[in-house]
Amino acid sequence: MGHKSFTTTTRGLHRGNPAMLLFERSKQLGMWNPSELAFRQDREDWSRLKPDEKDILLRLTAMFMAGEEAVTLDLLPLINIVAQEGRTEEELYLACFLFEEAKHVDFFSRVISEVFDAPPNLSAYQSPNYRIIIQEALPGALNALRSDPSPASQVRASCVYNMIVEGMLAETGYHAYFTIMDRFGIFPGIREGIRRVQIDESRHIAYGVYLLSRLMASDPSLWDVVEMSMNQLFTPALGVISEIFAPYDPAPFGMNQEEFAAYGTAQFQKRLDRIRRALEQSESEVNHDTEAFIQADDA
């Protein structure tokens, strides 16, 4: 099927569109190279850790690495849909989005091989609840878009991808990393990489909030799909957190499972509350509200 027209030579790009604002920030903040991070001190820090401390860090990082690979593999159906709908601004941003996910795979792979010196097969760290979300729910929701591009299907995909995987689980994982690194003053190279990954992911979450808000502004009944999609995965998402701590007694680094479960629950509620605000908004109000959200997130 050929192209009959192009956005840039018909209506032009809407540079005030929230997706274009995110595209601009990706160009400004997302062009970092994992290969330029220095890990010499990190390797020294790693060599001084206890076996259980090494194991929980390897577990957390292996789960992150596979998760980043999964979202890289599964994003294309959403890109195809926004392209088919003529949403060129969103398509431009999602091109950066996909690049950033691939870059995150590269970063965590470097950490695993160059700092942790781990064996290549780390699939044993993929726990039951992790598999439910990353190996079943995520590809299931995104690949369903190939045959069902409806707004409800888009809502389900974004809830799994942006709200649960990125907005709840990844944010809780960053909290774990920074808790360890700040408390013990270790891993400066990894810390810088995690900081940059989190900044990238904050834009991804902002896009998910925008997408869901835009869809609900057109059809408020989609809130029922949001609630159902989020609630279906809340328990297994909390299960992922508990499975990270399950092999250890006491937990390494003095960490507390209840603290991280509470943090993850707060992230879940934060995302849900943010999306709920779109129920009574028009699309122009959604655009204005999302722009303010992006600006505040940058600050």
C-alpha atoms as a PDB file:
ATOM      1  CA  MET A   1       0.000   0.000   0.000  1.00  0.00           C
ATOM      2  CA  GLY A   2       1.524   3.319  -1.084  1.00  0.00           C
ATOM      3  CA  HIS A   3       1.452   6.787   0.455  1.00  0.00           C
ATOM      4  CA  LYS A   4      -1.126   9.234  -0.889  1.00  0.00           C
ATOM      5  CA  SER A   5       0.084  12.217   1.140  1.00  0.00           C
ATOM      6  CA  PHE A   6       2.506  13.246   3.853  1.00  0.00           C
ATOM      7  CA  THR A   7       1.810  15.147   7.048  1.00  0.00           C
ATOM      8  CA  THR A   8       4.742  17.490   6.586  1.00  0.00           C
ATOM      9  CA  THR A   9       3.520  18.664   3.175  1.00  0.00           C
ATOM     10  CA  THR A  10      -0.187  18.833   3.989  1.00  0.00           C
ATOM     11  CA  ARG A  11      -1.062  20.100   7.470  1.00  0.00           C
ATOM     12  CA  GLY A  12       2.482  20.330   8.859  1.00  0.00           C
ATOM     13  CA  LEU A  13       3.691  19.188  12.275  1.00  0.00           C
ATOM     14  CA  HIS A  14       1.866  20.438  15.376  1.00  0.00           C
ATOM     15  CA  ARG A  15       4.827  21.377  17.537  1.00  0.00           C
ATOM     16  CA  GLY A  16       2.667  22.062  20.574  1.00  0.00           C
ATOM     17  CA  ASN A  17       1.441  18.458  20.577  1.00  0.00           C
ATOM     18  CA  PRO A  18       2.560  16.698  23.804  1.00  0.00           C
ATOM     19  CA  ALA A  19       4.252  13.980  21.763  1.00  0.00           C
ATOM     20  CA  MET A  20       6.366  16.620  20.019  1.00  0.00           C
ATOM     21  CA  LEU A  21       7.357  18.059  23.387  1.00  0.00           C
ATOM     22  CA  LEU A  22       8.500  14.579  24.421  1.00  0.00           C
ATOM     23  CA  PHE A  23      10.306  14.195  21.077  1.00  0.00           C
ATOM     24  CA  GLU A  24      12.165  17.444  21.765  1.00  0.00           C
ATOM     25  CA  ARG A  25      13.214  16.232  25.201  1.00  0.00           C
ATOM     26  CA  SER A  26      14.391  12.926  23.767  1.00  0.00           C
ATOM     27  CA  LYS A  27      16.624  14.815  21.373  1.00  0.00           C
ATOM     28  CA  GLN A  28      17.965  16.896  24.253  1.00  0.00           C
ATOM     29  CA  LEU A  29      18.276  14.284  27.001  1.00  0.00           C
ATOM     30  CA  GLY A  30      18.120  10.850  25.397  1.00  0.00           C
ATOM     31  CA  MET A  31      21.282  10.854  23.291  1.00  0.00           C
ATOM     32  CA  TRP A  32      23.565   9.259  25.866  1.00  0.00           C
ATOM     33  CA  ASN A  33      25.770   6.286  25.060  1.00  0.00           C
ATOM     34  CA  PRO A  34      26.021   3.318  27.471  1.00  0.00           C
ATOM     35  CA  SER A  35      29.397   2.461  25.933  1.00  0.00           C
ATOM     36  CA  GLU A  36      30.854   5.694  27.334  1.00  0.00           C
ATOM     37  CA  LEU A  37      30.107   4.848  30.974  1.00  0.00           C
ATOM     38  CA  ALA A  38      33.186   3.933  33.026  1.00  0.00           C
ATOM     39  CA  PHE A  39      32.862   0.862  35.269  1.00  0.00           C
ATOM     40  CA  ARG A  40      36.328   0.528  36.812  1.00  0.00           C
ATOM     41  CA  GLN A  41      35.225   1.577  40.304  1.00  0.00           C
ATOM     42  CA  ASP A  42      32.051  -0.461  39.925  1.00  0.00           C
ATOM     43  CA  ARG A  43      34.066  -3.633  39.343  1.00  0.00           C
ATOM     44  CA  GLU A  44      36.099  -2.934  42.485  1.00  0.00           C
ATOM     45  CA  ASP A  45      32.917  -2.328  44.474  1.00  0.00           C
ATOM     46  CA  TRP A  46      31.430  -5.579  43.141  1.00  0.00           C
ATOM     47  CA  SER A  47      34.464  -7.598  44.219  1.00  0.00           C
ATOM     48  CA  ARG A  48      33.955  -6.535  47.854  1.00  0.00           C
ATOM     49  CA  LEU A  49      30.294  -7.547  48.118  1.00  0.00           C
ATOM     50  CA  LYS A  50      28.993 -10.585  50.006  1.00  0.00           C
ATOM     51  CA  PRO A  51      27.505 -13.498  48.020  1.00  0.00           C
ATOM     52  CA  ASP A  52      23.887 -12.680  48.887  1.00  0.00           C
ATOM     53  CA  GLU A  53      24.473  -9.001  48.027  1.00  0.00           C
ATOM     54  CA  LYS A  54      25.847 -10.018  44.645  1.00  0.00           C
ATOM     55  CA  ASP A  55      22.958 -12.387  44.082  1.00  0.00           C
ATOM     56  CA  ILE A  56      20.169  -9.885  44.735  1.00  0.00           C
ATOM     57  CA  LEU A  57      21.840  -7.300  42.499  1.00  0.00           C
ATOM     58  CA  LEU A  58      22.296  -9.869  39.759  1.00  0.00           C
ATOM     59  CA  ARG A  59      18.658 -10.928  40.185  1.00  0.00           C
ATOM     60  CA  LEU A  60      17.382  -7.340  39.962  1.00  0.00           C
ATOM     61  CA  THR A  61      19.584  -6.491  36.979  1.00  0.00           C
ATOM     62  CA  ALA A  62      18.758  -9.677  35.066  1.00  0.00           C
ATOM     63  CA  MET A  63      15.057  -8.926  35.506  1.00  0.00           C
ATOM     64  CA  PHE A  64      15.596  -5.384  34.283  1.00  0.00           C
ATOM     65  CA  MET A  65      17.624  -6.525  31.283  1.00  0.00           C
ATOM     66  CA  ALA A  66      15.040  -9.076  30.136  1.00  0.00           C
ATOM     67  CA  GLY A  67      12.260  -6.567  30.781  1.00  0.00           C
ATOM     68  CA  GLU A  68      13.976  -3.924  28.641  1.00  0.00           C
ATOM     69  CA  GLU A  69      14.441  -6.470  25.865  1.00  0.00           C
ATOM     70  CA  ALA A  70      10.766  -7.432  26.120  1.00  0.00           C
ATOM     71  CA  VAL A  71       9.486  -3.863  25.787  1.00  0.00           C
ATOM     72  CA  THR A  72      11.867  -3.295  22.866  1.00  0.00           C
ATOM     73  CA  LEU A  73      10.447  -6.359  21.123  1.00  0.00           C
ATOM     74  CA  ASP A  74       6.813  -5.514  21.858  1.00  0.00           C
ATOM     75  CA  LEU A  75       6.497  -1.788  21.012  1.00  0.00           C
ATOM     76  CA  LEU A  76       6.188  -2.042  17.215  1.00  0.00           C
ATOM     77  CA  PRO A  77       2.418  -2.791  17.066  1.00  0.00           C
ATOM     78  CA  LEU A  78       1.673   0.455  18.911  1.00  0.00           C
ATOM     79  CA  ILE A  79       3.945   2.418  16.568  1.00  0.00           C
ATOM     80  CA  ASN A  80       2.115   0.888  13.600  1.00  0.00           C
ATOM     81  CA  ILE A  81      -1.272   1.936  14.977  1.00  0.00           C
ATOM     82  CA  VAL A  82      -0.385   5.582  15.587  1.00  0.00           C
ATOM     83  CA  ALA A  83       1.146   5.673  12.093  1.00  0.00           C
ATOM     84  CA  GLN A  84      -2.017   4.229  10.557  1.00  0.00           C
ATOM     85  CA  GLU A  85      -4.106   6.797  12.435  1.00  0.00           C
ATOM     86  CA  GLY A  86      -2.008   9.626  10.939  1.00  0.00           C
ATOM     87  CA  ARG A  87      -0.622  10.723  14.309  1.00  0.00           C
ATOM     88  CA  THR A  88       2.778  11.665  12.916  1.00  0.00           C
ATOM     89  CA  GLU A  89       3.844  13.593  16.017  1.00  0.00           C
ATOM     90  CA  GLU A  90       3.364  10.506  18.162  1.00  0.00           C
ATOM     91  CA  GLU A  91       5.097   8.325  15.585  1.00  0.00           C
ATOM     92  CA  LEU A  92       8.157  10.616  15.646  1.00  0.00           C
ATOM     93  CA  TYR A  93       8.348  10.396  19.429  1.00  0.00           C
ATOM     94  CA  LEU A  94       7.825   6.638  19.474  1.00  0.00           C
ATOM     95  CA  ALA A  95      10.803   6.249  17.130  1.00  0.00           C
ATOM     96  CA  CYS A  96      12.944   7.785  19.898  1.00  0.00           C
ATOM     97  CA  PHE A  97      11.078   5.726  22.474  1.00  0.00           C
ATOM     98  CA  LEU A  98      12.060   2.493  20.698  1.00  0.00           C
ATOM     99  CA  PHE A  99      15.670   3.613  20.337  1.00  0.00           C
ATOM    100  CA  GLU A 100      15.822   4.375  24.050  1.00  0.00           C
ATOM    101  CA  GLU A 101      14.491   0.952  25.002  1.00  0.00           C
ATOM    102  CA  ALA A 102      17.153  -0.688  22.828  1.00  0.00           C
ATOM    103  CA  LYS A 103      19.790   1.495  24.479  1.00  0.00           C
ATOM    104  CA  HIS A 104      18.616   0.346  27.914  1.00  0.00           C
ATOM    105  CA  VAL A 105      19.106  -3.280  26.854  1.00  0.00           C
ATOM    106  CA  ASP A 106      22.655  -2.350  25.897  1.00  0.00           C
ATOM    107  CA  PHE A 107      23.280  -0.656  29.257  1.00  0.00           C
ATOM    108  CA  PHE A 108      22.076  -3.528  31.432  1.00  0.00           C
ATOM    109  CA  SER A 109      23.915  -6.023  29.244  1.00  0.00           C
ATOM    110  CA  ARG A 110      27.155  -4.105  29.849  1.00  0.00           C
ATOM    111  CA  VAL A 111      26.548  -4.147  33.608  1.00  0.00           C
ATOM    112  CA  ILE A 112      25.872  -7.891  33.618  1.00  0.00           C
ATOM    113  CA  SER A 113      28.920  -8.821  31.531  1.00  0.00           C
ATOM    114  CA  GLU A 114      31.493  -6.163  32.463  1.00  0.00           C
ATOM    115  CA  VAL A 115      30.777  -5.535  36.152  1.00  0.00           C
ATOM    116  CA  PHE A 116      29.040  -8.645  37.424  1.00  0.00           C
ATOM    117  CA  ASP A 117      30.905 -11.040  35.098  1.00  0.00           C
ATOM    118  CA  ALA A 118      27.804 -13.239  35.089  1.00  0.00           C
ATOM    119  CA  PRO A 119      27.053 -16.303  32.942  1.00  0.00           C
ATOM    120  CA  PRO A 120      24.945 -15.631  29.837  1.00  0.00           C
ATOM    121  CA  ASN A 121      21.936 -17.722  30.913  1.00  0.00           C
ATOM    122  CA  LEU A 122      20.143 -15.880  33.709  1.00  0.00           C
ATOM    123  CA  SER A 123      16.626 -17.118  32.997  1.00  0.00           C
ATOM    124  CA  ALA A 124      16.445 -18.734  36.448  1.00  0.00           C
ATOM    125  CA  TYR A 125      15.885 -15.235  37.844  1.00  0.00           C
ATOM    126  CA  GLN A 126      12.615 -14.903  35.899  1.00  0.00           C
ATOM    127  CA  SER A 127      10.188 -15.718  38.698  1.00  0.00           C
ATOM    128  CA  PRO A 128       6.541 -16.871  38.276  1.00  0.00           C
ATOM    129  CA  ASN A 129       4.885 -13.458  38.673  1.00  0.00           C
ATOM    130  CA  TYR A 130       7.574 -11.854  36.541  1.00  0.00           C
ATOM    131  CA  ARG A 131       6.734 -14.305  33.744  1.00  0.00           C
ATOM    132  CA  ILE A 132       3.018 -13.525  34.090  1.00  0.00           C
ATOM    133  CA  ILE A 133       3.658  -9.854  33.395  1.00  0.00           C
ATOM    134  CA  ILE A 134       6.736  -9.734  31.148  1.00  0.00           C
ATOM    135  CA  GLN A 135       6.381 -12.955  29.190  1.00  0.00           C
ATOM    136  CA  GLU A 136       2.589 -13.195  28.993  1.00  0.00           C
ATOM    137  CA  ALA A 137       0.622  -9.995  29.708  1.00  0.00           C
ATOM    138  CA  LEU A 138       3.011  -7.577  27.992  1.00  0.00           C
ATOM    139  CA  PRO A 139       3.414  -9.337  24.629  1.00  0.00           C
ATOM    140  CA  GLY A 140      -0.219 -10.453  24.762  1.00  0.00           C
ATOM    141  CA  ALA A 141      -1.550  -6.913  25.096  1.00  0.00           C
ATOM    142  CA  LEU A 142       0.806  -5.367  22.555  1.00  0.00           C
ATOM    143  CA  ASN A 143       0.482  -8.092  19.935  1.00  0.00           C
ATOM    144  CA  ALA A 144      -3.308  -7.986  20.260  1.00  0.00           C
ATOM    145  CA  LEU A 145      -3.071  -4.584  18.561  1.00  0.00           C
ATOM    146  CA  ARG A 146      -2.157  -6.298  15.301  1.00  0.00           C
ATOM    147  CA  SER A 147      -5.677  -7.720  14.938  1.00  0.00           C
ATOM    148  CA  ASP A 148      -7.584  -5.289  17.171  1.00  0.00           C
ATOM    149  CA  PRO A 149      -6.422  -1.651  16.926  1.00  0.00           C
ATOM    150  CA  SER A 150      -9.491  -0.376  18.816  1.00  0.00           C
ATOM    151  CA  PRO A 151      -9.161   2.300  21.536  1.00  0.00           C
ATOM    152  CA  ALA A 152      -9.935  -0.329  24.188  1.00  0.00           C
ATOM    153  CA  SER A 153      -7.094  -2.504  22.916  1.00  0.00           C
ATOM    154  CA  GLN A 154      -4.747   0.503  22.959  1.00  0.00           C
ATOM    155  CA  VAL A 155      -5.778   1.249  26.536  1.00  0.00           C
ATOM    156  CA  ARG A 156      -5.005  -2.306  27.634  1.00  0.00           C
ATOM    157  CA  ALA A 157      -1.600  -2.200  25.935  1.00  0.00           C
ATOM    158  CA  SER A 158      -0.617   1.130  27.476  1.00  0.00           C
ATOM    159  CA  CYS A 159      -1.767   0.103  30.954  1.00  0.00           C
ATOM    160  CA  VAL A 160       0.436  -2.986  30.877  1.00  0.00           C
ATOM    161  CA  TYR A 161       3.425  -1.344  29.223  1.00  0.00           C
ATOM    162  CA  ASN A 162       3.527   2.225  30.538  1.00  0.00           C
ATOM    163  CA  MET A 163       1.646   2.010  33.825  1.00  0.00           C
ATOM    164  CA  ILE A 164       2.543  -1.414  35.249  1.00  0.00           C
ATOM    165  CA  VAL A 165       5.896  -2.380  33.707  1.00  0.00           C
ATOM    166  CA  GLU A 166       7.411   1.121  33.542  1.00  0.00           C
ATOM    167  CA  GLY A 167       5.323   3.102  36.019  1.00  0.00           C
ATOM    168  CA  MET A 168       5.168   0.584  38.870  1.00  0.00           C
ATOM    169  CA  LEU A 169       7.775  -2.165  38.517  1.00  0.00           C
ATOM    170  CA  ALA A 170      10.636  -0.232  36.910  1.00  0.00           C
ATOM    171  CA  GLU A 171      10.174   2.742  39.252  1.00  0.00           C
ATOM    172  CA  THR A 172      10.319   0.412  42.257  1.00  0.00           C
ATOM    173  CA  GLY A 173      13.452  -1.170  40.797  1.00  0.00           C
ATOM    174  CA  TYR A 174      15.141   2.235  40.456  1.00  0.00           C
ATOM    175  CA  HIS A 175      14.250   2.923  44.076  1.00  0.00           C
ATOM    176  CA  ALA A 176      15.990  -0.319  45.061  1.00  0.00           C
ATOM    177  CA  TYR A 177      19.120   0.527  43.078  1.00  0.00           C
ATOM    178  CA  PHE A 178      19.396   4.040  44.477  1.00  0.00           C
ATOM    179  CA  THR A 179      18.711   2.849  48.026  1.00  0.00           C
ATOM    180  CA  ILE A 180      21.658   0.444  47.788  1.00  0.00           C
ATOM    181  CA  MET A 181      24.026   2.749  45.932  1.00  0.00           C
ATOM    182  CA  ASP A 182      23.345   5.832  48.043  1.00  0.00           C
ATOM    183  CA  ARG A 183      23.420   3.979  51.357  1.00  0.00           C
ATOM    184  CA  PHE A 184      26.748   2.273  50.652  1.00  0.00           C
ATOM    185  CA  GLY A 185      28.379   4.757  48.269  1.00  0.00           C
ATOM    186  CA  ILE A 186      29.025   2.203  45.534  1.00  0.00           C
ATOM    187  CA  PHE A 187      28.704   1.791  41.752  1.00  0.00           C
ATOM    188  CA  PRO A 188      29.188   5.337  40.363  1.00  0.00           C
ATOM    189  CA  GLY A 189      29.070   4.160  36.745  1.00  0.00           C
ATOM    190  CA  ILE A 190      25.963   2.057  37.231  1.00  0.00           C
ATOM    191  CA  ARG A 191      24.365   4.889  39.179  1.00  0.00           C
ATOM    192  CA  GLU A 192      24.845   7.300  36.295  1.00  0.00           C
ATOM    193  CA  GLY A 193      23.416   4.770  33.854  1.00  0.00           C
ATOM    194  CA  ILE A 194      20.374   4.089  36.040  1.00  0.00           C
ATOM    195  CA  ARG A 195      19.815   7.832  36.423  1.00  0.00           C
ATOM    196  CA  ARG A 196      19.774   8.260  32.654  1.00  0.00           C
ATOM    197  CA  VAL A 197      17.533   5.221  32.114  1.00  0.00           C
ATOM    198  CA  GLN A 198      15.051   6.600  34.628  1.00  0.00           C
ATOM    199  CA  ILE A 199      14.964   9.985  32.876  1.00  0.00           C
ATOM    200  CA  ASP A 200      14.242   8.231  29.576  1.00  0.00           C
ATOM    201  CA  GLU A 201      11.533   6.123  31.183  1.00  0.00           C
ATOM    202  CA  SER A 202       9.883   9.180  32.764  1.00  0.00           C
ATOM    203  CA  ARG A 203       9.179  10.388  29.226  1.00  0.00           C
ATOM    204  CA  HIS A 204       7.783   6.962  28.308  1.00  0.00           C
ATOM    205  CA  ILE A 205       5.412   7.088  31.271  1.00  0.00           C
ATOM    206  CA  ALA A 206       4.402  10.641  30.321  1.00  0.00           C
ATOM    207  CA  TYR A 207       3.526   9.400  26.847  1.00  0.00           C
ATOM    208  CA  GLY A 208       1.457   6.568  28.310  1.00  0.00           C
ATOM    209  CA  VAL A 209      -0.425   9.047  30.490  1.00  0.00           C
ATOM    210  CA  TYR A 210      -1.029  11.231  27.439  1.00  0.00           C
ATOM    211  CA  LEU A 211      -2.180   8.315  25.276  1.00  0.00           C
ATOM    212  CA  LEU A 212      -4.602   7.022  27.896  1.00  0.00           C
ATOM    213  CA  SER A 213      -5.885  10.526  28.650  1.00  0.00           C
ATOM    214  CA  ARG A 214      -6.400  11.281  24.956  1.00  0.00           C
ATOM    215  CA  LEU A 215      -8.338   8.066  24.446  1.00  0.00           C
ATOM    216  CA  MET A 216     -10.541   8.647  27.502  1.00  0.00           C
ATOM    217  CA  ALA A 217     -11.235  12.240  26.491  1.00  0.00           C
ATOM    218  CA  SER A 218     -12.824  10.790  23.352  1.00  0.00           C
ATOM    219  CA  ASP A 219     -14.611   7.982  25.197  1.00  0.00           C
ATOM    220  CA  PRO A 220     -14.909   8.199  29.016  1.00  0.00           C
ATOM    221  CA  SER A 221     -16.276   4.642  29.152  1.00  0.00           C
ATOM    222  CA  LEU A 222     -12.698   3.471  28.541  1.00  0.00           C
ATOM    223  CA  TRP A 223     -12.023   4.200  32.217  1.00  0.00           C
ATOM    224  CA  ASP A 224     -13.580   0.796  32.930  1.00  0.00           C
ATOM    225  CA  VAL A 225     -10.899  -0.801  30.716  1.00  0.00           C
ATOM    226  CA  VAL A 226      -8.191   1.142  32.555  1.00  0.00           C
ATOM    227  CA  GLU A 227      -9.395  -0.008  35.963  1.00  0.00           C
ATOM    228  CA  MET A 228      -9.796  -3.619  34.873  1.00  0.00           C
ATOM    229  CA  SER A 229      -6.384  -3.740  33.160  1.00  0.00           C
ATOM    230  CA  MET A 230      -4.568  -2.152  36.072  1.00  0.00           C
ATOM    231  CA  ASN A 231      -6.305  -4.178  38.778  1.00  0.00           C
ATOM    232  CA  GLN A 232      -5.718  -7.479  36.975  1.00  0.00           C
ATOM    233  CA  LEU A 233      -1.955  -6.950  37.172  1.00  0.00           C
ATOM    234  CA  PHE A 234      -1.661  -5.269  40.560  1.00  0.00           C
ATOM    235  CA  THR A 235      -1.364  -8.537  42.520  1.00  0.00           C
ATOM    236  CA  PRO A 236       1.208 -10.189  40.216  1.00  0.00           C
ATOM    237  CA  ALA A 237       3.169  -6.911  40.143  1.00  0.00           C
ATOM    238  CA  LEU A 238       3.369  -6.943  43.944  1.00  0.00           C
ATOM    239  CA  GLY A 239       4.292 -10.622  43.594  1.00  0.00           C
ATOM    240  CA  VAL A 240       7.335  -9.681  41.512  1.00  0.00           C
ATOM    241  CA  ILE A 241       8.556  -7.479  44.353  1.00  0.00           C
ATOM    242  CA  SER A 242       8.058 -10.205  46.974  1.00  0.00           C
ATOM    243  CA  GLU A 243       9.794 -12.784  44.747  1.00  0.00           C
ATOM    244  CA  ILE A 244      12.912 -10.616  44.589  1.00  0.00           C
ATOM    245  CA  PHE A 245      13.238 -10.787  48.381  1.00  0.00           C
ATOM    246  CA  ALA A 246      12.011 -14.361  48.913  1.00  0.00           C
ATOM    247  CA  PRO A 247      15.389 -16.180  48.659  1.00  0.00           C
ATOM    248  CA  TYR A 248      17.034 -14.068  51.387  1.00  0.00           C
ATOM    249  CA  ASP A 249      16.748 -14.048  55.169  1.00  0.00           C
ATOM    250  CA  PRO A 250      17.657 -11.417  56.145  1.00  0.00           C
ATOM    251  CA  ALA A 251      17.423  -9.286  53.010  1.00  0.00           C
ATOM    252  CA  PRO A 252      20.820  -8.071  51.748  1.00  0.00           C
ATOM    253  CA  PHE A 253      21.910  -4.462  52.250  1.00  0.00           C
ATOM    254  CA  GLY A 254      19.469  -4.097  55.157  1.00  0.00           C
ATOM    255  CA  MET A 255      16.563  -3.671  52.754  1.00  0.00           C
ATOM    256  CA  ASN A 256      12.973  -4.155  53.871  1.00  0.00           C
ATOM    257  CA  GLN A 257      10.473  -5.911  51.619  1.00  0.00           C
ATOM    258  CA  GLU A 258       7.499  -4.067  53.103  1.00  0.00           C
ATOM    259  CA  GLU A 259       9.076  -0.707  52.241  1.00  0.00           C
ATOM    260  CA  PHE A 260       9.402  -1.626  48.588  1.00  0.00           C
ATOM    261  CA  ALA A 261       5.931  -3.163  48.417  1.00  0.00           C
ATOM    262  CA  ALA A 262       4.549   0.096  49.840  1.00  0.00           C
ATOM    263  CA  TYR A 263       6.599   2.086  47.324  1.00  0.00           C
ATOM    264  CA  GLY A 264       5.298  -0.017  44.433  1.00  0.00           C
ATOM    265  CA  THR A 265       1.707   0.338  45.667  1.00  0.00           C
ATOM    266  CA  ALA A 266       2.144   4.121  45.848  1.00  0.00           C
ATOM    267  CA  GLN A 267       3.442   4.186  42.278  1.00  0.00           C
ATOM    268  CA  PHE A 268       0.443   2.147  41.125  1.00  0.00           C
ATOM    269  CA  GLN A 269      -2.001   4.512  42.809  1.00  0.00           C
ATOM    270  CA  LYS A 270      -0.149   7.567  41.515  1.00  0.00           C
ATOM    271  CA  ARG A 271      -0.526   6.390  37.908  1.00  0.00           C
ATOM    272  CA  LEU A 272      -4.183   5.476  38.372  1.00  0.00           C
ATOM    273  CA  ASP A 273      -5.021   8.830  39.953  1.00  0.00           C
ATOM    274  CA  ARG A 274      -3.220  10.703  37.195  1.00  0.00           C
ATOM    275  CA  ILE A 275      -5.177   8.938  34.448  1.00  0.00           C
ATOM    276  CA  ARG A 276      -8.486   9.411  36.305  1.00  0.00           C
ATOM    277  CA  ARG A 277      -8.100  13.176  35.917  1.00  0.00           C
ATOM    278  CA  ALA A 278      -8.748  12.838  32.165  1.00  0.00           C
ATOM    279  CA  LEU A 279     -12.290  11.537  32.682  1.00  0.00           C
ATOM    280  CA  GLU A 280     -13.833  15.005  32.598  1.00  0.00           C
ATOM    281  CA  GLN A 281     -11.377  16.664  30.230  1.00  0.00           C
ATOM    282  CA  SER A 282     -11.595  17.606  26.564  1.00  0.00           C
ATOM    283  CA  GLU A 283      -8.723  16.714  24.228  1.00  0.00           C
ATOM    284  CA  SER A 284      -7.428  20.307  24.355  1.00  0.00           C
ATOM    285  CA  GLU A 285      -7.499  20.177  28.165  1.00  0.00           C
ATOM    286  CA  VAL A 286      -5.650  16.853  28.041  1.00  0.00           C
ATOM    287  CA  ASN A 287      -2.971  18.447  25.840  1.00  0.00           C
ATOM    288  CA  HIS A 288      -2.586  21.405  28.209  1.00  0.00           C
ATOM    289  CA  ASP A 289      -2.540  19.182  31.297  1.00  0.00           C
ATOM    290  CA  THR A 290       0.002  16.827  29.734  1.00  0.00           C
ATOM    291  CA  GLU A 291       2.273  19.717  28.772  1.00  0.00           C
ATOM    292  CA  ALA A 292       2.225  20.903  32.397  1.00  0.00           C
ATOM    293  CA  PHE A 293       2.927  17.327  33.542  1.00  0.00           C
ATOM    294  CA  ILE A 294       5.942  17.092  31.205  1.00  0.00           C
ATOM    295  CA  GLN A 295       7.287  20.450  32.333  1.00  0.00           C
ATOM    296  CA  ALA A 296       6.897  19.504  36.010  1.00  0.00           C
ATOM    297  CA  ASP A 297       8.572  16.138  35.406  1.00  0.00           C
ATOM    298  CA  ASP A 298      11.565  17.884  33.809  1.00  0.00           C
ATOM    299  CA  ALA A 299      11.868  20.161  36.825  1.00  0.00           C
END
